[in-house]
């Protein structure tokens, strides 16, 4: 995917938003859990992302795109970690 074409001011604002979101308790718990799962089975995790909803390893394209449904339909209640 091509990088977004943002003005320097917009890029700084986006970086601040992204950092704030990544540091929320929920995101930190998900990242820590995915890291634990990756350490348990590095061969299965090769080139894959952990899907907290389906509790399986998936390709990044499939996982981040919500299995082709897009991310707007995905809600917090679907995640278990």
N, C-alpha and C. Protein backbone atom coordinates (compact mmCIF):
# COMPACT_ATOMS: atom_id res chain seq x y z
N UNK A 1 0.86 -1.17 0.00
CA UNK A 1 0.00 0.00 0.00
C UNK A 1 0.90 1.23 0.00
N UNK A 2 0.52 2.22 -0.76
CA UNK A 2 1.29 3.45 -0.85
C UNK A 2 1.14 4.27 0.43
N UNK A 3 2.18 4.97 0.77
CA UNK A 3 2.17 5.84 1.93
C UNK A 3 1.21 7.00 1.69
N UNK A 4 0.54 7.43 2.76
CA UNK A 4 -0.36 8.57 2.61
C UNK A 4 0.43 9.82 2.29
N UNK A 5 -0.13 10.66 1.45
CA UNK A 5 0.52 11.92 1.11
C UNK A 5 -0.05 13.00 2.02
N UNK A 6 0.66 13.26 3.10
CA UNK A 6 0.20 14.24 4.08
C UNK A 6 1.16 15.41 4.16
N UNK A 7 0.63 16.55 4.53
CA UNK A 7 1.49 17.70 4.78
C UNK A 7 2.31 17.40 6.04
N UNK A 8 3.41 18.08 6.24
CA UNK A 8 4.21 17.83 7.44
C UNK A 8 3.41 18.01 8.74
N UNK A 9 2.54 19.01 8.76
CA UNK A 9 1.73 19.24 9.95
C UNK A 9 0.74 18.09 10.17
N UNK A 10 0.10 17.63 9.11
CA UNK A 10 -0.84 16.53 9.20
C UNK A 10 -0.12 15.23 9.58
N UNK A 11 1.09 15.02 9.06
CA UNK A 11 1.86 13.81 9.38
C UNK A 11 2.22 13.79 10.86
N UNK A 12 2.59 14.94 11.41
CA UNK A 12 2.91 15.01 12.84
C UNK A 12 1.67 14.73 13.69
N UNK A 13 0.54 15.28 13.29
CA UNK A 13 -0.71 15.06 14.02
C UNK A 13 -1.11 13.59 13.97
N UNK A 14 -0.96 12.98 12.79
CA UNK A 14 -1.30 11.56 12.65
C UNK A 14 -0.37 10.70 13.49
N UNK A 15 0.91 11.01 13.50
CA UNK A 15 1.87 10.25 14.30
C UNK A 15 1.50 10.33 15.79
N UNK A 16 1.08 11.51 16.24
CA UNK A 16 0.68 11.67 17.64
C UNK A 16 -0.57 10.86 17.95
N UNK A 17 -1.55 10.88 17.04
CA UNK A 17 -2.78 10.08 17.23
C UNK A 17 -2.47 8.59 17.26
N UNK A 18 -1.64 8.15 16.30
CA UNK A 18 -1.29 6.73 16.23
C UNK A 18 -0.56 6.28 17.48
N UNK A 19 0.35 7.10 17.96
CA UNK A 19 1.11 6.77 19.17
C UNK A 19 0.17 6.69 20.37
N UNK A 20 -0.74 7.63 20.51
CA UNK A 20 -1.68 7.63 21.63
C UNK A 20 -2.56 6.38 21.60
N UNK A 21 -3.00 5.98 20.40
CA UNK A 21 -3.84 4.79 20.28
C UNK A 21 -3.05 3.52 20.60
N UNK A 22 -1.81 3.46 20.12
CA UNK A 22 -0.98 2.27 20.35
C UNK A 22 -0.64 2.09 21.83
N UNK A 23 -0.68 3.15 22.59
CA UNK A 23 -0.31 3.07 24.00
C UNK A 23 -1.50 2.91 24.93
N UNK A 24 -2.71 2.74 24.40
CA UNK A 24 -3.86 2.50 25.27
C UNK A 24 -3.72 1.12 25.91
N UNK A 25 -4.37 0.94 27.05
CA UNK A 25 -4.27 -0.33 27.77
C UNK A 25 -4.71 -1.51 26.91
N UNK A 26 -5.80 -1.34 26.18
CA UNK A 26 -6.33 -2.43 25.35
C UNK A 26 -5.33 -2.84 24.27
N UNK A 27 -4.75 -1.87 23.56
CA UNK A 27 -3.78 -2.18 22.50
C UNK A 27 -2.52 -2.82 23.08
N UNK A 28 -2.08 -2.34 24.24
CA UNK A 28 -0.87 -2.91 24.85
C UNK A 28 -1.10 -4.35 25.27
N UNK A 29 -2.31 -4.64 25.78
CA UNK A 29 -2.63 -6.02 26.15
C UNK A 29 -2.65 -6.92 24.92
N UNK A 30 -3.24 -6.44 23.82
CA UNK A 30 -3.29 -7.24 22.59
C UNK A 30 -1.90 -7.48 22.03
N UNK A 31 -1.06 -6.43 22.05
CA UNK A 31 0.30 -6.59 21.53
C UNK A 31 1.10 -7.57 22.37
N UNK A 32 0.94 -7.49 23.69
CA UNK A 32 1.66 -8.40 24.58
C UNK A 32 1.19 -9.84 24.38
N UNK A 33 -0.11 -10.01 24.22
CA UNK A 33 -0.65 -11.36 24.00
C UNK A 33 -0.15 -11.94 22.68
N UNK A 34 -0.17 -11.16 21.63
CA UNK A 34 0.31 -11.63 20.33
C UNK A 34 1.80 -12.00 20.41
N UNK A 35 2.54 -11.23 21.17
CA UNK A 35 3.97 -11.52 21.32
C UNK A 35 4.17 -12.84 22.07
N UNK A 36 3.36 -13.09 23.11
CA UNK A 36 3.45 -14.36 23.84
C UNK A 36 3.12 -15.53 22.93
N UNK A 37 2.09 -15.37 22.10
CA UNK A 37 1.70 -16.43 21.18
C UNK A 37 2.81 -16.68 20.15
N UNK A 38 3.44 -15.63 19.67
CA UNK A 38 4.52 -15.75 18.70
C UNK A 38 5.71 -16.49 19.32
N UNK A 39 6.00 -16.23 20.58
CA UNK A 39 7.12 -16.92 21.25
C UNK A 39 6.81 -18.39 21.47
N UNK A 40 5.53 -18.73 21.67
CA UNK A 40 5.14 -20.12 21.88
C UNK A 40 5.36 -20.97 20.63
N UNK A 41 5.02 -20.42 19.47
CA UNK A 41 5.11 -21.19 18.23
C UNK A 41 5.66 -20.34 17.10
N UNK A 42 6.97 -20.13 17.11
CA UNK A 42 7.55 -19.26 16.07
C UNK A 42 7.38 -19.79 14.65
N UNK A 43 7.34 -21.12 14.48
CA UNK A 43 7.20 -21.66 13.12
C UNK A 43 5.81 -21.35 12.55
N UNK A 44 4.77 -21.48 13.37
CA UNK A 44 3.41 -21.18 12.90
C UNK A 44 3.22 -19.69 12.66
N UNK A 45 3.95 -18.88 13.40
CA UNK A 45 3.77 -17.43 13.35
C UNK A 45 4.53 -16.78 12.20
N UNK A 46 5.35 -17.52 11.51
CA UNK A 46 6.20 -16.96 10.46
C UNK A 46 5.37 -16.22 9.41
N UNK A 47 5.52 -14.91 9.35
CA UNK A 47 4.83 -14.10 8.36
C UNK A 47 3.34 -13.93 8.60
N UNK A 48 2.87 -14.25 9.80
CA UNK A 48 1.44 -14.19 10.10
C UNK A 48 1.17 -13.20 11.24
N UNK A 49 -0.09 -12.84 11.38
CA UNK A 49 -0.56 -12.02 12.49
C UNK A 49 -1.50 -12.86 13.33
N UNK A 50 -1.53 -12.62 14.64
CA UNK A 50 -2.46 -13.32 15.52
C UNK A 50 -3.81 -12.62 15.45
N UNK A 51 -4.86 -13.39 15.17
CA UNK A 51 -6.22 -12.86 15.12
C UNK A 51 -6.86 -13.10 16.47
N UNK A 52 -7.12 -12.04 17.22
CA UNK A 52 -7.69 -12.17 18.56
C UNK A 52 -9.15 -12.60 18.53
N UNK A 53 -9.82 -12.36 17.42
CA UNK A 53 -11.22 -12.75 17.31
C UNK A 53 -11.35 -14.25 17.06
N UNK A 54 -10.59 -14.76 16.07
CA UNK A 54 -10.68 -16.18 15.71
C UNK A 54 -9.68 -17.06 16.46
N UNK A 55 -8.75 -16.41 17.17
CA UNK A 55 -7.71 -17.12 17.93
C UNK A 55 -6.90 -18.05 17.04
N UNK A 56 -6.48 -17.54 15.87
CA UNK A 56 -5.65 -18.29 14.95
C UNK A 56 -4.62 -17.36 14.32
N UNK A 57 -3.63 -17.95 13.65
CA UNK A 57 -2.67 -17.17 12.87
C UNK A 57 -3.27 -16.96 11.49
N UNK A 58 -3.21 -15.72 11.00
CA UNK A 58 -3.74 -15.38 9.68
C UNK A 58 -2.74 -14.50 8.95
N UNK A 59 -2.90 -14.44 7.64
CA UNK A 59 -2.06 -13.52 6.88
C UNK A 59 -2.43 -12.10 7.31
N UNK A 60 -1.48 -11.20 7.28
CA UNK A 60 -1.79 -9.81 7.67
C UNK A 60 -2.92 -9.21 6.84
N UNK A 61 -2.95 -9.53 5.55
CA UNK A 61 -4.00 -8.99 4.69
C UNK A 61 -5.38 -9.44 5.16
N UNK A 62 -5.51 -10.71 5.48
CA UNK A 62 -6.79 -11.26 5.93
C UNK A 62 -7.17 -10.73 7.31
N UNK A 63 -6.20 -10.68 8.20
CA UNK A 63 -6.47 -10.27 9.58
C UNK A 63 -6.82 -8.79 9.68
N UNK A 64 -6.07 -7.95 9.02
CA UNK A 64 -6.29 -6.50 9.14
C UNK A 64 -7.49 -6.04 8.34
N UNK A 65 -7.92 -6.83 7.38
CA UNK A 65 -9.08 -6.47 6.57
C UNK A 65 -10.36 -7.11 7.08
N UNK A 66 -10.32 -7.75 8.24
CA UNK A 66 -11.51 -8.39 8.84
C UNK A 66 -12.11 -9.41 7.88
N UNK A 67 -11.26 -10.26 7.31
CA UNK A 67 -11.70 -11.34 6.40
C UNK A 67 -12.51 -10.81 5.22
N UNK A 68 -12.15 -9.66 4.71
CA UNK A 68 -12.82 -9.12 3.54
C UNK A 68 -14.05 -8.27 3.85
N UNK A 69 -14.41 -8.15 5.12
CA UNK A 69 -15.60 -7.38 5.49
C UNK A 69 -15.30 -5.92 5.80
N UNK A 70 -14.03 -5.57 5.92
CA UNK A 70 -13.67 -4.22 6.30
C UNK A 70 -13.66 -4.07 7.81
N UNK A 71 -13.12 -2.98 8.28
CA UNK A 71 -12.92 -2.83 9.72
C UNK A 71 -14.05 -2.09 10.43
N UNK A 72 -14.98 -1.48 9.71
CA UNK A 72 -16.03 -0.72 10.37
C UNK A 72 -17.02 -1.62 11.10
N UNK A 73 -17.23 -2.85 10.60
CA UNK A 73 -18.18 -3.76 11.23
C UNK A 73 -17.60 -4.43 12.46
N UNK A 74 -16.30 -4.35 12.61
CA UNK A 74 -15.63 -5.06 13.68
C UNK A 74 -15.78 -4.26 14.98
N UNK A 75 -16.22 -4.91 16.03
CA UNK A 75 -16.39 -4.22 17.31
C UNK A 75 -15.51 -4.78 18.38
N UNK A 76 -15.39 -4.06 19.50
CA UNK A 76 -14.53 -4.47 20.60
C UNK A 76 -14.97 -5.78 21.21
N UNK A 77 -16.27 -6.08 21.20
CA UNK A 77 -16.76 -7.29 21.85
C UNK A 77 -16.28 -8.56 21.16
N UNK A 78 -15.74 -8.45 19.94
CA UNK A 78 -15.27 -9.62 19.22
C UNK A 78 -13.91 -10.10 19.69
N UNK A 79 -13.19 -9.29 20.44
CA UNK A 79 -11.82 -9.61 20.82
C UNK A 79 -11.77 -10.30 22.17
N UNK A 80 -11.00 -11.38 22.20
CA UNK A 80 -10.77 -12.10 23.46
C UNK A 80 -9.28 -12.34 23.57
N UNK A 81 -8.68 -11.95 24.67
CA UNK A 81 -7.26 -12.20 24.87
C UNK A 81 -6.98 -12.41 26.33
